[in-house]
Amino acid sequence: MHSTKSASPTSANSPGVLKIYFLASRPKTWIAGASPVLIGGAIAFKERTFSPGLFLLTLLFSLFIQIGTNYANDYFDFVKGADSPKRIGPKRATLEGWVKPLHMLRASFFAFGAAFLVAIPQIFVAGAWSLPFVLLCISLGILYTGGPKPLGYLGLGDLFVFLFFGPIPVLGAYYLQTCHLNYSVFIASLAPALLSCAILAANNIRDEKSDRQANKKTLVVRFGRFFGATEYSLCIAMAAMVPWILIGFFKAPLELVAASLIFPLSLPLIKKAYQSQNPEELISLLPKTAFLLLLYTALFVVLWYTAPTQVV
């Protein structure tokens, strides 16, 4: 475990302050926060009930929650020892000494505070019942790697990611625009949920050794590397099936089948997840998986918007 005083303040060799916090926000993963809101908003837009301002606030809320969670993760993984000088992967601002640990913690609180501010108009639209939900999102963003029993250290990170990067934001974005829900929107939410879980699995496969040493019991640490690779491949395969389910059972636009192209594109990544033993070879797995989510989201949103058929 690191002391919170062991990191040095930013030095002459570190990036500029703005770049430090930009990199610490992990922009390559932003699509995981944006995707469900874009998908939920696209479905609502097709129903001719769409407020651009409300949509923007929803998108900002999701991104601020994700950025706050990433800042908190940077801080807590450092002080708990999960991030050490031996870790493989993108540099972590606190670990590198680019920023003091307390400053990173404050940055996470700032991001969560911004999330709460943009949530206020949405609470007025949805009703007072949504306030506890907003507070829950913020609390779990902190408890993902913070607190005495962080979710990510207990093997519950995958469940957290599935719910909060899939059904909850997709249904939330849709409900705020339409004030109702339906099963088809829930089915649509499964694809970003599963692909976000694949991103997490890619991260956990890469970090298996360092997580094991830090007693961070991810599913990969608990059940092994083969389990992690299987989880990774199944998440992508099941996400690619979602458009077919929407087409077959909910009369979604036939053009959505193009979004399933993510599966053949993922085959080299799946092979790498199973076969690569060197963590350094797995560094590219996460951003390439995030690109699959970006591609799926772009195809889904564009094809849904341009197709004449609506889900029923």
C-alpha atoms as a PDB file:
ATOM      1  CA  MET A   1       0.000   0.000   0.000  1.00  0.00           C
ATOM      2  CA  HIS A   2       1.327   3.415  -0.931  1.00  0.00           C
ATOM      3  CA  SER A   3       1.362   6.399   1.345  1.00  0.00           C
ATOM      4  CA  THR A   4      -0.735   9.270   0.055  1.00  0.00           C
ATOM      5  CA  LYS A   5       2.360  11.421   0.504  1.00  0.00           C
ATOM      6  CA  SER A   6       4.661   9.277  -1.616  1.00  0.00           C
ATOM      7  CA  ALA A   7       3.802  10.818  -4.967  1.00  0.00           C
ATOM      8  CA  SER A   8       5.626  13.969  -5.876  1.00  0.00           C
ATOM      9  CA  PRO A   9       3.913  17.027  -7.324  1.00  0.00           C
ATOM     10  CA  THR A  10       4.057  17.671 -11.019  1.00  0.00           C
ATOM     11  CA  SER A  11       7.610  17.953 -12.325  1.00  0.00           C
ATOM     12  CA  ALA A  12       9.312  19.466 -15.328  1.00  0.00           C
ATOM     13  CA  ASN A  13       9.170  16.093 -17.071  1.00  0.00           C
ATOM     14  CA  SER A  14       5.437  15.646 -16.601  1.00  0.00           C
ATOM     15  CA  PRO A  15       2.734  16.771 -19.058  1.00  0.00           C
ATOM     16  CA  GLY A  16       0.972  20.084 -18.515  1.00  0.00           C
ATOM     17  CA  VAL A  17      -1.720  20.245 -15.844  1.00  0.00           C
ATOM     18  CA  LEU A  18      -4.650  20.141 -18.278  1.00  0.00           C
ATOM     19  CA  LYS A  19      -3.128  17.233 -20.169  1.00  0.00           C
ATOM     20  CA  ILE A  20      -2.534  15.354 -16.906  1.00  0.00           C
ATOM     21  CA  TYR A  21      -6.193  15.494 -15.935  1.00  0.00           C
ATOM     22  CA  PHE A  22      -7.268  14.795 -19.504  1.00  0.00           C
ATOM     23  CA  LEU A  23      -5.145  11.632 -19.607  1.00  0.00           C
ATOM     24  CA  ALA A  24      -6.290  10.646 -16.107  1.00  0.00           C
ATOM     25  CA  SER A  25      -9.898  10.832 -17.296  1.00  0.00           C
ATOM     26  CA  ARG A  26      -9.016   7.953 -19.678  1.00  0.00           C
ATOM     27  CA  PRO A  27     -10.559   9.423 -22.845  1.00  0.00           C
ATOM     28  CA  LYS A  28     -10.218   6.135 -24.738  1.00  0.00           C
ATOM     29  CA  THR A  29     -12.970   4.761 -22.503  1.00  0.00           C
ATOM     30  CA  TRP A  30     -15.345   7.739 -22.768  1.00  0.00           C
ATOM     31  CA  ILE A  31     -17.364   5.907 -25.390  1.00  0.00           C
ATOM     32  CA  ALA A  32     -18.511   3.514 -22.652  1.00  0.00           C
ATOM     33  CA  GLY A  33     -20.269   6.425 -20.952  1.00  0.00           C
ATOM     34  CA  ALA A  34     -21.501   8.082 -24.139  1.00  0.00           C
ATOM     35  CA  SER A  35     -22.734   4.993 -25.992  1.00  0.00           C
ATOM     36  CA  PRO A  36     -25.787   4.118 -23.853  1.00  0.00           C
ATOM     37  CA  VAL A  37     -27.004   7.718 -23.841  1.00  0.00           C
ATOM     38  CA  LEU A  38     -26.555   7.991 -27.614  1.00  0.00           C
ATOM     39  CA  ILE A  39     -28.470   4.741 -28.161  1.00  0.00           C
ATOM     40  CA  GLY A  40     -31.285   5.657 -25.768  1.00  0.00           C
ATOM     41  CA  GLY A  41     -31.502   9.124 -27.293  1.00  0.00           C
ATOM     42  CA  ALA A  42     -31.569   7.773 -30.849  1.00  0.00           C
ATOM     43  CA  ILE A  43     -34.512   5.502 -30.073  1.00  0.00           C
ATOM     44  CA  ALA A  44     -36.383   8.373 -28.422  1.00  0.00           C
ATOM     45  CA  PHE A  45     -35.610  10.699 -31.340  1.00  0.00           C
ATOM     46  CA  LYS A  46     -37.251   8.279 -33.748  1.00  0.00           C
ATOM     47  CA  GLU A  47     -40.444   8.575 -31.688  1.00  0.00           C
ATOM     48  CA  ARG A  48     -40.482  12.341 -32.333  1.00  0.00           C
ATOM     49  CA  THR A  49     -40.162  13.142 -28.630  1.00  0.00           C
ATOM     50  CA  PHE A  50     -36.730  14.646 -28.271  1.00  0.00           C
ATOM     51  CA  SER A  51     -35.250  17.617 -26.407  1.00  0.00           C
ATOM     52  CA  PRO A  52     -31.672  18.381 -27.547  1.00  0.00           C
ATOM     53  CA  GLY A  53     -30.921  20.313 -24.363  1.00  0.00           C
ATOM     54  CA  LEU A  54     -32.120  17.506 -22.118  1.00  0.00           C
ATOM     55  CA  PHE A  55     -30.177  14.994 -24.180  1.00  0.00           C
ATOM     56  CA  LEU A  56     -26.982  17.038 -23.801  1.00  0.00           C
ATOM     57  CA  LEU A  57     -27.457  17.200 -20.025  1.00  0.00           C
ATOM     58  CA  THR A  58     -27.946  13.426 -19.898  1.00  0.00           C
ATOM     59  CA  LEU A  59     -24.803  12.877 -21.939  1.00  0.00           C
ATOM     60  CA  LEU A  60     -22.798  15.226 -19.711  1.00  0.00           C
ATOM     61  CA  PHE A  61     -24.088  13.494 -16.580  1.00  0.00           C
ATOM     62  CA  SER A  62     -22.947  10.114 -17.870  1.00  0.00           C
ATOM     63  CA  LEU A  63     -19.526  11.426 -18.901  1.00  0.00           C
ATOM     64  CA  PHE A  64     -18.956  13.293 -15.632  1.00  0.00           C
ATOM     65  CA  ILE A  65     -19.828  10.151 -13.665  1.00  0.00           C
ATOM     66  CA  GLN A  66     -17.374   8.138 -15.737  1.00  0.00           C
ATOM     67  CA  ILE A  67     -14.605  10.728 -15.446  1.00  0.00           C
ATOM     68  CA  GLY A  68     -15.161  11.047 -11.701  1.00  0.00           C
ATOM     69  CA  THR A  69     -15.004   7.268 -11.374  1.00  0.00           C
ATOM     70  CA  ASN A  70     -11.757   7.172 -13.369  1.00  0.00           C
ATOM     71  CA  TYR A  71     -10.200   9.886 -11.204  1.00  0.00           C
ATOM     72  CA  ALA A  72     -11.279   8.042  -8.056  1.00  0.00           C
ATOM     73  CA  ASN A  73      -9.864   4.832  -9.512  1.00  0.00           C
ATOM     74  CA  ASP A  74      -6.536   6.560 -10.192  1.00  0.00           C
ATOM     75  CA  TYR A  75      -6.397   7.687  -6.561  1.00  0.00           C
ATOM     76  CA  PHE A  76      -7.676   4.585  -4.766  1.00  0.00           C
ATOM     77  CA  ASP A  77      -5.712   2.069  -6.840  1.00  0.00           C
ATOM     78  CA  PHE A  78      -2.585   4.044  -5.960  1.00  0.00           C
ATOM     79  CA  VAL A  79      -3.168   4.247  -2.212  1.00  0.00           C
ATOM     80  CA  LYS A  80      -4.292   0.595  -2.052  1.00  0.00           C
ATOM     81  CA  GLY A  81      -1.224  -0.579  -3.969  1.00  0.00           C
ATOM     82  CA  ALA A  82      -3.067  -1.993  -6.985  1.00  0.00           C
ATOM     83  CA  ASP A  83      -1.096   0.425  -9.169  1.00  0.00           C
ATOM     84  CA  SER A  84       2.616  -0.137  -8.670  1.00  0.00           C
ATOM     85  CA  PRO A  85       5.715   0.811 -10.689  1.00  0.00           C
ATOM     86  CA  LYS A  86       5.595  -2.707 -12.178  1.00  0.00           C
ATOM     87  CA  ARG A  87       2.114  -2.312 -13.683  1.00  0.00           C
ATOM     88  CA  ILE A  88       1.680  -2.784 -17.418  1.00  0.00           C
ATOM     89  CA  GLY A  89      -0.548  -0.425 -19.355  1.00  0.00           C
ATOM     90  CA  PRO A  90      -1.295   3.288 -19.718  1.00  0.00           C
ATOM     91  CA  LYS A  91       0.421   5.559 -17.219  1.00  0.00           C
ATOM     92  CA  ARG A  92      -1.527   6.579 -14.128  1.00  0.00           C
ATOM     93  CA  ALA A  93      -1.168  10.201 -13.077  1.00  0.00           C
ATOM     94  CA  THR A  94      -0.930   9.611  -9.328  1.00  0.00           C
ATOM     95  CA  LEU A  95       1.461   6.687  -9.685  1.00  0.00           C
ATOM     96  CA  GLU A  96       3.732   8.660 -12.009  1.00  0.00           C
ATOM     97  CA  GLY A  97       3.904  11.519  -9.516  1.00  0.00           C
ATOM     98  CA  TRP A  98       2.354  13.938 -11.984  1.00  0.00           C
ATOM     99  CA  VAL A  99      -0.232  15.014  -9.434  1.00  0.00           C
ATOM    100  CA  LYS A 100      -0.545  14.734  -5.665  1.00  0.00           C
ATOM    101  CA  PRO A 101      -2.966  12.008  -4.516  1.00  0.00           C
ATOM    102  CA  LEU A 102      -5.139  14.516  -2.655  1.00  0.00           C
ATOM    103  CA  HIS A 103      -5.438  16.624  -5.797  1.00  0.00           C
ATOM    104  CA  MET A 104      -6.620  13.597  -7.774  1.00  0.00           C
ATOM    105  CA  LEU A 105      -9.209  12.832  -5.107  1.00  0.00           C
ATOM    106  CA  ARG A 106     -10.410  16.428  -5.263  1.00  0.00           C
ATOM    107  CA  ALA A 107     -10.655  16.166  -9.047  1.00  0.00           C
ATOM    108  CA  SER A 108     -12.953  13.165  -8.667  1.00  0.00           C
ATOM    109  CA  PHE A 109     -15.187  15.108  -6.271  1.00  0.00           C
ATOM    110  CA  PHE A 110     -15.248  18.021  -8.722  1.00  0.00           C
ATOM    111  CA  ALA A 111     -16.366  15.704 -11.548  1.00  0.00           C
ATOM    112  CA  PHE A 112     -19.051  14.127  -9.370  1.00  0.00           C
ATOM    113  CA  GLY A 113     -20.174  17.608  -8.308  1.00  0.00           C
ATOM    114  CA  ALA A 114     -20.478  18.616 -11.962  1.00  0.00           C
ATOM    115  CA  ALA A 115     -22.517  15.456 -12.573  1.00  0.00           C
ATOM    116  CA  PHE A 116     -24.916  16.440  -9.792  1.00  0.00           C
ATOM    117  CA  LEU A 117     -25.315  19.972 -11.150  1.00  0.00           C
ATOM    118  CA  VAL A 118     -26.249  18.817 -14.657  1.00  0.00           C
ATOM    119  CA  ALA A 119     -28.584  16.241 -13.089  1.00  0.00           C
ATOM    120  CA  ILE A 120     -30.720  18.875 -11.346  1.00  0.00           C
ATOM    121  CA  PRO A 121     -32.804  19.847 -14.433  1.00  0.00           C
ATOM    122  CA  GLN A 122     -33.204  16.150 -15.246  1.00  0.00           C
ATOM    123  CA  ILE A 123     -34.521  15.488 -11.732  1.00  0.00           C
ATOM    124  CA  PHE A 124     -37.197  18.142 -12.289  1.00  0.00           C
ATOM    125  CA  VAL A 125     -38.209  16.410 -15.524  1.00  0.00           C
ATOM    126  CA  ALA A 126     -38.192  12.845 -14.197  1.00  0.00           C
ATOM    127  CA  GLY A 127     -39.506  13.601 -10.719  1.00  0.00           C
ATOM    128  CA  ALA A 128     -38.183  13.534  -7.158  1.00  0.00           C
ATOM    129  CA  TRP A 129     -37.901   9.730  -7.265  1.00  0.00           C
ATOM    130  CA  SER A 130     -34.848  10.114  -9.515  1.00  0.00           C
ATOM    131  CA  LEU A 131     -32.785  11.984  -6.885  1.00  0.00           C
ATOM    132  CA  PRO A 132     -31.819   8.806  -4.967  1.00  0.00           C
ATOM    133  CA  PHE A 133     -30.808   7.267  -8.285  1.00  0.00           C
ATOM    134  CA  VAL A 134     -28.497  10.203  -9.053  1.00  0.00           C
ATOM    135  CA  LEU A 135     -26.930   9.943  -5.601  1.00  0.00           C
ATOM    136  CA  LEU A 136     -26.543   6.181  -6.063  1.00  0.00           C
ATOM    137  CA  CYS A 137     -24.661   6.692  -9.335  1.00  0.00           C
ATOM    138  CA  ILE A 138     -22.261   9.091  -7.642  1.00  0.00           C
ATOM    139  CA  SER A 139     -21.816   6.875  -4.585  1.00  0.00           C
ATOM    140  CA  LEU A 140     -21.086   3.765  -6.617  1.00  0.00           C
ATOM    141  CA  GLY A 141     -18.619   5.719  -8.746  1.00  0.00           C
ATOM    142  CA  ILE A 142     -16.624   6.271  -5.558  1.00  0.00           C
ATOM    143  CA  LEU A 143     -17.222   2.816  -4.082  1.00  0.00           C
ATOM    144  CA  TYR A 144     -16.097   1.078  -7.275  1.00  0.00           C
ATOM    145  CA  THR A 145     -12.510   1.255  -6.018  1.00  0.00           C
ATOM    146  CA  GLY A 146     -12.962   3.251  -2.781  1.00  0.00           C
ATOM    147  CA  GLY A 147     -14.197   2.423   0.691  1.00  0.00           C
ATOM    148  CA  PRO A 148     -13.431  -0.582   2.923  1.00  0.00           C
ATOM    149  CA  LYS A 149     -14.903  -3.097   0.462  1.00  0.00           C
ATOM    150  CA  PRO A 150     -14.637  -1.632  -3.052  1.00  0.00           C
ATOM    151  CA  LEU A 151     -16.759  -3.330  -5.700  1.00  0.00           C
ATOM    152  CA  GLY A 152     -13.868  -3.705  -8.122  1.00  0.00           C
ATOM    153  CA  TYR A 153     -11.813  -5.557  -5.512  1.00  0.00           C
ATOM    154  CA  LEU A 154     -14.591  -8.056  -4.761  1.00  0.00           C
ATOM    155  CA  GLY A 155     -15.220  -9.225  -8.312  1.00  0.00           C
ATOM    156  CA  LEU A 156     -18.382  -7.118  -8.602  1.00  0.00           C
ATOM    157  CA  GLY A 157     -16.956  -4.675 -11.129  1.00  0.00           C
ATOM    158  CA  ASP A 158     -18.449  -6.572 -14.060  1.00  0.00           C
ATOM    159  CA  LEU A 159     -21.967  -6.358 -12.598  1.00  0.00           C
ATOM    160  CA  PHE A 160     -21.479  -2.643 -11.908  1.00  0.00           C
ATOM    161  CA  VAL A 161     -20.294  -2.002 -15.468  1.00  0.00           C
ATOM    162  CA  PHE A 162     -23.096  -4.087 -17.002  1.00  0.00           C
ATOM    163  CA  LEU A 163     -25.831  -2.177 -15.162  1.00  0.00           C
ATOM    164  CA  PHE A 164     -24.397   1.345 -15.222  1.00  0.00           C
ATOM    165  CA  PHE A 165     -23.060   1.286 -18.785  1.00  0.00           C
ATOM    166  CA  GLY A 166     -26.074  -0.493 -20.242  1.00  0.00           C
ATOM    167  CA  PRO A 167     -29.675  -0.770 -19.005  1.00  0.00           C
ATOM    168  CA  ILE A 168     -29.640   2.088 -16.495  1.00  0.00           C
ATOM    169  CA  PRO A 169     -28.293   4.874 -18.772  1.00  0.00           C
ATOM    170  CA  VAL A 170     -30.072   3.641 -21.924  1.00  0.00           C
ATOM    171  CA  LEU A 171     -33.427   3.361 -20.172  1.00  0.00           C
ATOM    172  CA  GLY A 172     -32.762   6.612 -18.308  1.00  0.00           C
ATOM    173  CA  ALA A 173     -31.935   8.558 -21.480  1.00  0.00           C
ATOM    174  CA  TYR A 174     -34.997   7.134 -23.222  1.00  0.00           C
ATOM    175  CA  TYR A 175     -37.354   7.759 -20.287  1.00  0.00           C
ATOM    176  CA  LEU A 176     -36.276  11.367 -19.862  1.00  0.00           C
ATOM    177  CA  GLN A 177     -37.297  12.031 -23.467  1.00  0.00           C
ATOM    178  CA  THR A 178     -40.502   9.965 -23.648  1.00  0.00           C
ATOM    179  CA  CYS A 179     -41.679   9.445 -20.035  1.00  0.00           C
ATOM    180  CA  HIS A 180     -42.288   5.760 -20.717  1.00  0.00           C
ATOM    181  CA  LEU A 181     -40.325   2.521 -21.151  1.00  0.00           C
ATOM    182  CA  ASN A 182     -40.630  -0.650 -23.226  1.00  0.00           C
ATOM    183  CA  TYR A 183     -38.920  -4.017 -23.549  1.00  0.00           C
ATOM    184  CA  SER A 184     -37.239  -3.216 -26.850  1.00  0.00           C
ATOM    185  CA  VAL A 185     -35.239  -0.396 -25.263  1.00  0.00           C
ATOM    186  CA  PHE A 186     -34.066  -2.789 -22.565  1.00  0.00           C
ATOM    187  CA  ILE A 187     -32.909  -5.265 -25.222  1.00  0.00           C
ATOM    188  CA  ALA A 188     -31.098  -2.457 -27.048  1.00  0.00           C
ATOM    189  CA  SER A 189     -29.320  -1.572 -23.799  1.00  0.00           C
ATOM    190  CA  LEU A 190     -27.690  -5.003 -23.587  1.00  0.00           C
ATOM    191  CA  ALA A 191     -25.207  -4.339 -26.405  1.00  0.00           C
ATOM    192  CA  PRO A 192     -23.387  -1.385 -24.788  1.00  0.00           C
ATOM    193  CA  ALA A 193     -23.554  -3.215 -21.458  1.00  0.00           C
ATOM    194  CA  LEU A 194     -21.882  -6.315 -22.878  1.00  0.00           C
ATOM    195  CA  LEU A 195     -19.278  -4.410 -24.885  1.00  0.00           C
ATOM    196  CA  SER A 196     -18.391  -2.316 -21.830  1.00  0.00           C
ATOM    197  CA  CYS A 197     -17.953  -5.560 -19.892  1.00  0.00           C
ATOM    198  CA  ALA A 198     -15.640  -6.725 -22.685  1.00  0.00           C
ATOM    199  CA  ILE A 199     -13.590  -3.541 -22.199  1.00  0.00           C
ATOM    200  CA  LEU A 200     -13.352  -4.299 -18.475  1.00  0.00           C
ATOM    201  CA  ALA A 201     -12.420  -7.921 -19.186  1.00  0.00           C
ATOM    202  CA  ALA A 202      -9.628  -6.732 -21.500  1.00  0.00           C
ATOM    203  CA  ASN A 203      -8.339  -4.515 -18.693  1.00  0.00           C
ATOM    204  CA  ASN A 204      -8.534  -7.319 -16.128  1.00  0.00           C
ATOM    205  CA  ILE A 205      -6.799  -9.854 -18.387  1.00  0.00           C
ATOM    206  CA  ARG A 206      -3.915  -7.426 -18.874  1.00  0.00           C
ATOM    207  CA  ASP A 207      -3.689  -6.608 -15.155  1.00  0.00           C
ATOM    208  CA  GLU A 208      -4.138 -10.156 -13.812  1.00  0.00           C
ATOM    209  CA  LYS A 209      -0.680 -10.432 -12.244  1.00  0.00           C
ATOM    210  CA  SER A 210      -0.644  -6.985 -10.626  1.00  0.00           C
ATOM    211  CA  ASP A 211      -4.254  -7.374  -9.437  1.00  0.00           C
ATOM    212  CA  ARG A 212      -3.425 -10.737  -7.866  1.00  0.00           C
ATOM    213  CA  GLN A 213      -0.461  -9.220  -6.024  1.00  0.00           C
ATOM    214  CA  ALA A 214      -2.663  -6.377  -4.737  1.00  0.00           C
ATOM    215  CA  ASN A 215      -5.415  -8.820  -3.674  1.00  0.00           C
ATOM    216  CA  LYS A 216      -7.779  -7.202  -6.167  1.00  0.00           C
ATOM    217  CA  LYS A 217     -10.108 -10.142  -6.761  1.00  0.00           C
ATOM    218  CA  THR A 218     -11.460  -9.469 -10.224  1.00  0.00           C
ATOM    219  CA  LEU A 219     -13.238 -12.319 -11.986  1.00  0.00           C
ATOM    220  CA  VAL A 220     -10.031 -13.008 -13.915  1.00  0.00           C
ATOM    221  CA  VAL A 221      -8.085 -13.292 -10.652  1.00  0.00           C
ATOM    222  CA  ARG A 222     -10.788 -15.480  -9.101  1.00  0.00           C
ATOM    223  CA  PHE A 223     -11.367 -17.851 -12.013  1.00  0.00           C
ATOM    224  CA  GLY A 224      -8.287 -17.560 -14.197  1.00  0.00           C
ATOM    225  CA  ARG A 225      -7.096 -16.231 -17.508  1.00  0.00           C
ATOM    226  CA  PHE A 226      -9.114 -18.679 -19.640  1.00  0.00           C
ATOM    227  CA  PHE A 227     -12.303 -17.551 -17.889  1.00  0.00           C
ATOM    228  CA  GLY A 228     -11.436 -13.928 -18.639  1.00  0.00           C
ATOM    229  CA  ALA A 229     -10.830 -14.622 -22.326  1.00  0.00           C
ATOM    230  CA  THR A 230     -14.094 -16.578 -22.515  1.00  0.00           C
ATOM    231  CA  GLU A 231     -15.986 -13.764 -20.804  1.00  0.00           C
ATOM    232  CA  TYR A 232     -14.431 -11.333 -23.268  1.00  0.00           C
ATOM    233  CA  SER A 233     -15.402 -13.359 -26.342  1.00  0.00           C
ATOM    234  CA  LEU A 234     -18.936 -14.147 -25.124  1.00  0.00           C
ATOM    235  CA  CYS A 235     -19.654 -10.501 -24.300  1.00  0.00           C
ATOM    236  CA  ILE A 236     -18.752  -9.441 -27.840  1.00  0.00           C
ATOM    237  CA  ALA A 237     -20.632 -12.348 -29.436  1.00  0.00           C
ATOM    238  CA  MET A 238     -23.797 -11.696 -27.419  1.00  0.00           C
ATOM    239  CA  ALA A 239     -23.622  -7.960 -28.152  1.00  0.00           C
ATOM    240  CA  ALA A 240     -23.490  -8.771 -31.868  1.00  0.00           C
ATOM    241  CA  MET A 241     -26.717 -10.788 -31.459  1.00  0.00           C
ATOM    242  CA  VAL A 242     -28.703  -7.851 -30.056  1.00  0.00           C
ATOM    243  CA  PRO A 243     -29.568  -6.307 -33.467  1.00  0.00           C
ATOM    244  CA  TRP A 244     -30.883  -9.693 -34.643  1.00  0.00           C
ATOM    245  CA  ILE A 245     -33.123  -9.961 -31.577  1.00  0.00           C
ATOM    246  CA  LEU A 246     -34.462  -6.447 -32.125  1.00  0.00           C
ATOM    247  CA  ILE A 247     -35.149  -7.229 -35.781  1.00  0.00           C
ATOM    248  CA  GLY A 248     -36.722 -10.624 -35.138  1.00  0.00           C
ATOM    249  CA  PHE A 249     -38.895  -9.825 -32.127  1.00  0.00           C
ATOM    250  CA  PHE A 250     -39.476  -6.061 -32.166  1.00  0.00           C
ATOM    251  CA  LYS A 251     -39.580  -5.217 -35.890  1.00  0.00           C
ATOM    252  CA  ALA A 252     -36.505  -3.022 -35.661  1.00  0.00           C
ATOM    253  CA  PRO A 253     -34.995  -1.691 -38.907  1.00  0.00           C
ATOM    254  CA  LEU A 254     -33.441  -4.535 -40.899  1.00  0.00           C
ATOM    255  CA  GLU A 255     -30.461  -2.297 -41.600  1.00  0.00           C
ATOM    256  CA  LEU A 256     -29.380  -2.705 -37.964  1.00  0.00           C
ATOM    257  CA  VAL A 257     -27.869  -6.058 -38.894  1.00  0.00           C
ATOM    258  CA  ALA A 258     -24.812  -4.104 -40.063  1.00  0.00           C
ATOM    259  CA  ALA A 259     -23.989  -3.355 -36.413  1.00  0.00           C
ATOM    260  CA  SER A 260     -23.291  -7.070 -35.957  1.00  0.00           C
ATOM    261  CA  LEU A 261     -20.165  -6.628 -38.079  1.00  0.00           C
ATOM    262  CA  ILE A 262     -18.329  -5.970 -34.833  1.00  0.00           C
ATOM    263  CA  PHE A 263     -18.099  -9.734 -34.272  1.00  0.00           C
ATOM    264  CA  PRO A 264     -15.987 -10.705 -37.302  1.00  0.00           C
ATOM    265  CA  LEU A 265     -13.859  -7.624 -36.652  1.00  0.00           C
ATOM    266  CA  SER A 266     -13.305  -8.839 -33.095  1.00  0.00           C
ATOM    267  CA  LEU A 267     -11.937 -12.280 -34.009  1.00  0.00           C
ATOM    268  CA  PRO A 268      -8.244 -11.210 -33.986  1.00  0.00           C
ATOM    269  CA  LEU A 269      -8.822  -9.594 -30.587  1.00  0.00           C
ATOM    270  CA  ILE A 270     -10.472 -12.725 -29.220  1.00  0.00           C
ATOM    271  CA  LYS A 271      -7.527 -14.785 -30.457  1.00  0.00           C
ATOM    272  CA  LYS A 272      -5.129 -12.423 -28.695  1.00  0.00           C
ATOM    273  CA  ALA A 273      -7.143 -12.604 -25.461  1.00  0.00           C
ATOM    274  CA  TYR A 274      -6.771 -16.392 -25.414  1.00  0.00           C
ATOM    275  CA  GLN A 275      -3.213 -16.745 -26.679  1.00  0.00           C
ATOM    276  CA  SER A 276      -1.122 -13.758 -25.551  1.00  0.00           C
ATOM    277  CA  GLN A 277       0.741 -14.428 -22.315  1.00  0.00           C
ATOM    278  CA  ASN A 278       2.774 -11.215 -22.193  1.00  0.00           C
ATOM    279  CA  PRO A 279       0.777  -8.368 -20.571  1.00  0.00           C
ATOM    280  CA  GLU A 280       2.532  -5.854 -22.822  1.00  0.00           C
ATOM    281  CA  GLU A 281       0.994  -7.569 -25.858  1.00  0.00           C
ATOM    282  CA  LEU A 282      -2.439  -6.965 -24.335  1.00  0.00           C
ATOM    283  CA  ILE A 283      -2.102  -3.197 -23.916  1.00  0.00           C
ATOM    284  CA  SER A 284      -3.800  -2.576 -27.277  1.00  0.00           C
ATOM    285  CA  LEU A 285      -6.704  -4.904 -26.461  1.00  0.00           C
ATOM    286  CA  LEU A 286      -8.626  -2.330 -24.415  1.00  0.00           C
ATOM    287  CA  PRO A 287      -8.564   0.605 -26.891  1.00  0.00           C
ATOM    288  CA  LYS A 288      -9.369  -1.730 -29.787  1.00  0.00           C
ATOM    289  CA  THR A 289     -12.329  -3.124 -27.855  1.00  0.00           C
ATOM    290  CA  ALA A 290     -13.442   0.428 -27.087  1.00  0.00           C
ATOM    291  CA  PHE A 291     -13.304   1.074 -30.837  1.00  0.00           C
ATOM    292  CA  LEU A 292     -15.708  -1.849 -31.367  1.00  0.00           C
ATOM    293  CA  LEU A 293     -18.141  -0.134 -28.999  1.00  0.00           C
ATOM    294  CA  LEU A 294     -17.651   3.150 -30.860  1.00  0.00           C
ATOM    295  CA  LEU A 295     -18.294   1.446 -34.199  1.00  0.00           C
ATOM    296  CA  TYR A 296     -21.363  -0.391 -32.905  1.00  0.00           C
ATOM    297  CA  THR A 297     -22.787   2.820 -31.442  1.00  0.00           C
ATOM    298  CA  ALA A 298     -22.195   4.804 -34.623  1.00  0.00           C
ATOM    299  CA  LEU A 299     -23.798   2.132 -36.806  1.00  0.00           C
ATOM    300  CA  PHE A 300     -26.764   1.695 -34.464  1.00  0.00           C
ATOM    301  CA  VAL A 301     -27.481   5.410 -34.130  1.00  0.00           C
ATOM    302  CA  VAL A 302     -27.079   6.239 -37.832  1.00  0.00           C
ATOM    303  CA  LEU A 303     -29.013   3.221 -39.103  1.00  0.00           C
ATOM    304  CA  TRP A 304     -31.791   3.683 -36.562  1.00  0.00           C
ATOM    305  CA  TYR A 305     -32.118   7.346 -37.456  1.00  0.00           C
ATOM    306  CA  THR A 306     -32.141   6.841 -41.236  1.00  0.00           C
ATOM    307  CA  ALA A 307     -34.357   3.738 -41.372  1.00  0.00           C
ATOM    308  CA  PRO A 308     -38.110   4.299 -41.869  1.00  0.00           C
ATOM    309  CA  THR A 309     -39.217   1.478 -39.549  1.00  0.00           C
ATOM    310  CA  GLN A 310     -39.751   1.971 -35.839  1.00  0.00           C
ATOM    311  CA  VAL A 311     -39.534  -0.502 -32.983  1.00  0.00           C
ATOM    312  CA  VAL A 312     -42.913  -1.493 -31.593  1.00  0.00           C
END
